[in-house]
């Protein structure tokens, strides 16, 4: 099972993650940054386990992030 790792403090709020996978992401109205839905937070690093059925589209979404703050492990 893969995990998404999101370094939210470095997010610039471009919204590409939300546009490609709105079921996993929300854009914060408070600060304009992306938030990984149902993720566990540890010091501004958010982690969410994902199923194999969405692993490939999630890897493509991570590649599209202009600041490369989304990792799939």
C-alpha atoms as a PDB file:
ATOM      1  CA  UNK A   1       0.000   0.000   0.000  1.00  0.00           C
ATOM      2  CA  UNK A   2       1.352   3.396  -1.001  1.00  0.00           C
ATOM      3  CA  UNK A   3       1.306   6.570   1.061  1.00  0.00           C
ATOM      4  CA  UNK A   4       0.977  10.201   0.066  1.00  0.00           C
ATOM      5  CA  UNK A   5       3.334  12.537   1.894  1.00  0.00           C
ATOM      6  CA  UNK A   6       2.412  16.219   1.658  1.00  0.00           C
ATOM      7  CA  UNK A   7       4.717  18.989   2.900  1.00  0.00           C
ATOM      8  CA  UNK A   8       1.915  21.488   3.418  1.00  0.00           C
ATOM      9  CA  UNK A   9       4.053  24.317   4.810  1.00  0.00           C
ATOM     10  CA  UNK A  10       5.743  24.605   1.388  1.00  0.00           C
ATOM     11  CA  UNK A  11       2.455  24.618  -0.566  1.00  0.00           C
ATOM     12  CA  UNK A  12       1.898  27.614  -2.862  1.00  0.00           C
ATOM     13  CA  UNK A  13      -1.827  26.943  -3.332  1.00  0.00           C
ATOM     14  CA  UNK A  14      -1.803  26.392  -7.099  1.00  0.00           C
ATOM     15  CA  UNK A  15      -4.622  23.818  -6.787  1.00  0.00           C
ATOM     16  CA  UNK A  16      -3.359  21.254  -9.329  1.00  0.00           C
ATOM     17  CA  UNK A  17      -3.740  18.449  -6.761  1.00  0.00           C
ATOM     18  CA  UNK A  18      -7.344  19.436  -6.069  1.00  0.00           C
ATOM     19  CA  UNK A  19      -8.128  19.752  -9.785  1.00  0.00           C
ATOM     20  CA  UNK A  20      -6.783  16.270 -10.548  1.00  0.00           C
ATOM     21  CA  UNK A  21      -8.005  14.426  -7.439  1.00  0.00           C
ATOM     22  CA  UNK A  22     -10.777  16.362  -5.661  1.00  0.00           C
ATOM     23  CA  UNK A  23     -11.672  13.251  -3.662  1.00  0.00           C
ATOM     24  CA  UNK A  24      -8.307  13.510  -1.839  1.00  0.00           C
ATOM     25  CA  UNK A  25      -7.725  17.264  -1.591  1.00  0.00           C
ATOM     26  CA  UNK A  26      -9.408  20.456  -0.393  1.00  0.00           C
ATOM     27  CA  UNK A  27      -8.250  24.029  -0.797  1.00  0.00           C
ATOM     28  CA  UNK A  28      -8.231  25.897   2.513  1.00  0.00           C
ATOM     29  CA  UNK A  29     -10.281  29.079   2.596  1.00  0.00           C
ATOM     30  CA  UNK A  30      -8.165  30.213   5.532  1.00  0.00           C
ATOM     31  CA  UNK A  31      -4.701  30.224   3.928  1.00  0.00           C
ATOM     32  CA  UNK A  32      -5.304  29.105   0.320  1.00  0.00           C
ATOM     33  CA  UNK A  33      -3.137  25.997   0.625  1.00  0.00           C
ATOM     34  CA  UNK A  34      -4.065  22.434  -0.281  1.00  0.00           C
ATOM     35  CA  UNK A  35      -5.131  20.084   2.493  1.00  0.00           C
ATOM     36  CA  UNK A  36      -4.897  16.297   2.190  1.00  0.00           C
ATOM     37  CA  UNK A  37      -8.269  14.976   3.367  1.00  0.00           C
ATOM     38  CA  UNK A  38      -8.200  12.457   6.253  1.00  0.00           C
ATOM     39  CA  UNK A  39      -4.397  12.639   6.506  1.00  0.00           C
ATOM     40  CA  UNK A  40      -2.446  12.287   9.733  1.00  0.00           C
ATOM     41  CA  UNK A  41      -0.399  15.412  10.504  1.00  0.00           C
ATOM     42  CA  UNK A  42       3.033  15.476  12.102  1.00  0.00           C
ATOM     43  CA  UNK A  43       4.722  18.897  12.163  1.00  0.00           C
ATOM     44  CA  UNK A  44       3.212  20.218   8.919  1.00  0.00           C
ATOM     45  CA  UNK A  45       3.847  16.896   7.131  1.00  0.00           C
ATOM     46  CA  UNK A  46       0.660  15.067   6.232  1.00  0.00           C
ATOM     47  CA  UNK A  47       0.525  11.336   5.493  1.00  0.00           C
ATOM     48  CA  UNK A  48      -2.316   9.311   3.991  1.00  0.00           C
ATOM     49  CA  UNK A  49      -2.343   5.637   2.963  1.00  0.00           C
ATOM     50  CA  UNK A  50      -3.955   5.029  -0.421  1.00  0.00           C
ATOM     51  CA  UNK A  51      -5.176   1.941  -2.242  1.00  0.00           C
ATOM     52  CA  UNK A  52      -3.451   0.486  -5.276  1.00  0.00           C
ATOM     53  CA  UNK A  53      -6.413   1.441  -7.489  1.00  0.00           C
ATOM     54  CA  UNK A  54      -5.518   5.160  -7.238  1.00  0.00           C
ATOM     55  CA  UNK A  55      -1.758   4.865  -6.925  1.00  0.00           C
ATOM     56  CA  UNK A  56      -0.901   5.573 -10.581  1.00  0.00           C
ATOM     57  CA  UNK A  57      -3.145   8.658 -10.987  1.00  0.00           C
ATOM     58  CA  UNK A  58      -1.805   9.919  -7.666  1.00  0.00           C
ATOM     59  CA  UNK A  59       1.783   9.562  -8.915  1.00  0.00           C
ATOM     60  CA  UNK A  60       0.850  11.582 -12.006  1.00  0.00           C
ATOM     61  CA  UNK A  61      -0.749  14.250  -9.829  1.00  0.00           C
ATOM     62  CA  UNK A  62       2.389  14.435  -7.655  1.00  0.00           C
ATOM     63  CA  UNK A  63       4.529  14.934 -10.768  1.00  0.00           C
ATOM     64  CA  UNK A  64       2.297  17.854 -11.769  1.00  0.00           C
ATOM     65  CA  UNK A  65       2.930  19.719  -8.494  1.00  0.00           C
ATOM     66  CA  UNK A  66       5.063  22.741  -9.474  1.00  0.00           C
ATOM     67  CA  UNK A  67       6.929  22.848  -6.146  1.00  0.00           C
ATOM     68  CA  UNK A  68       7.307  19.047  -5.796  1.00  0.00           C
ATOM     69  CA  UNK A  69       5.975  18.863  -2.238  1.00  0.00           C
ATOM     70  CA  UNK A  70       3.846  15.750  -2.773  1.00  0.00           C
ATOM     71  CA  UNK A  71       5.647  12.408  -2.580  1.00  0.00           C
ATOM     72  CA  UNK A  72       4.325   8.868  -3.083  1.00  0.00           C
ATOM     73  CA  UNK A  73       6.155   6.132  -1.170  1.00  0.00           C
END
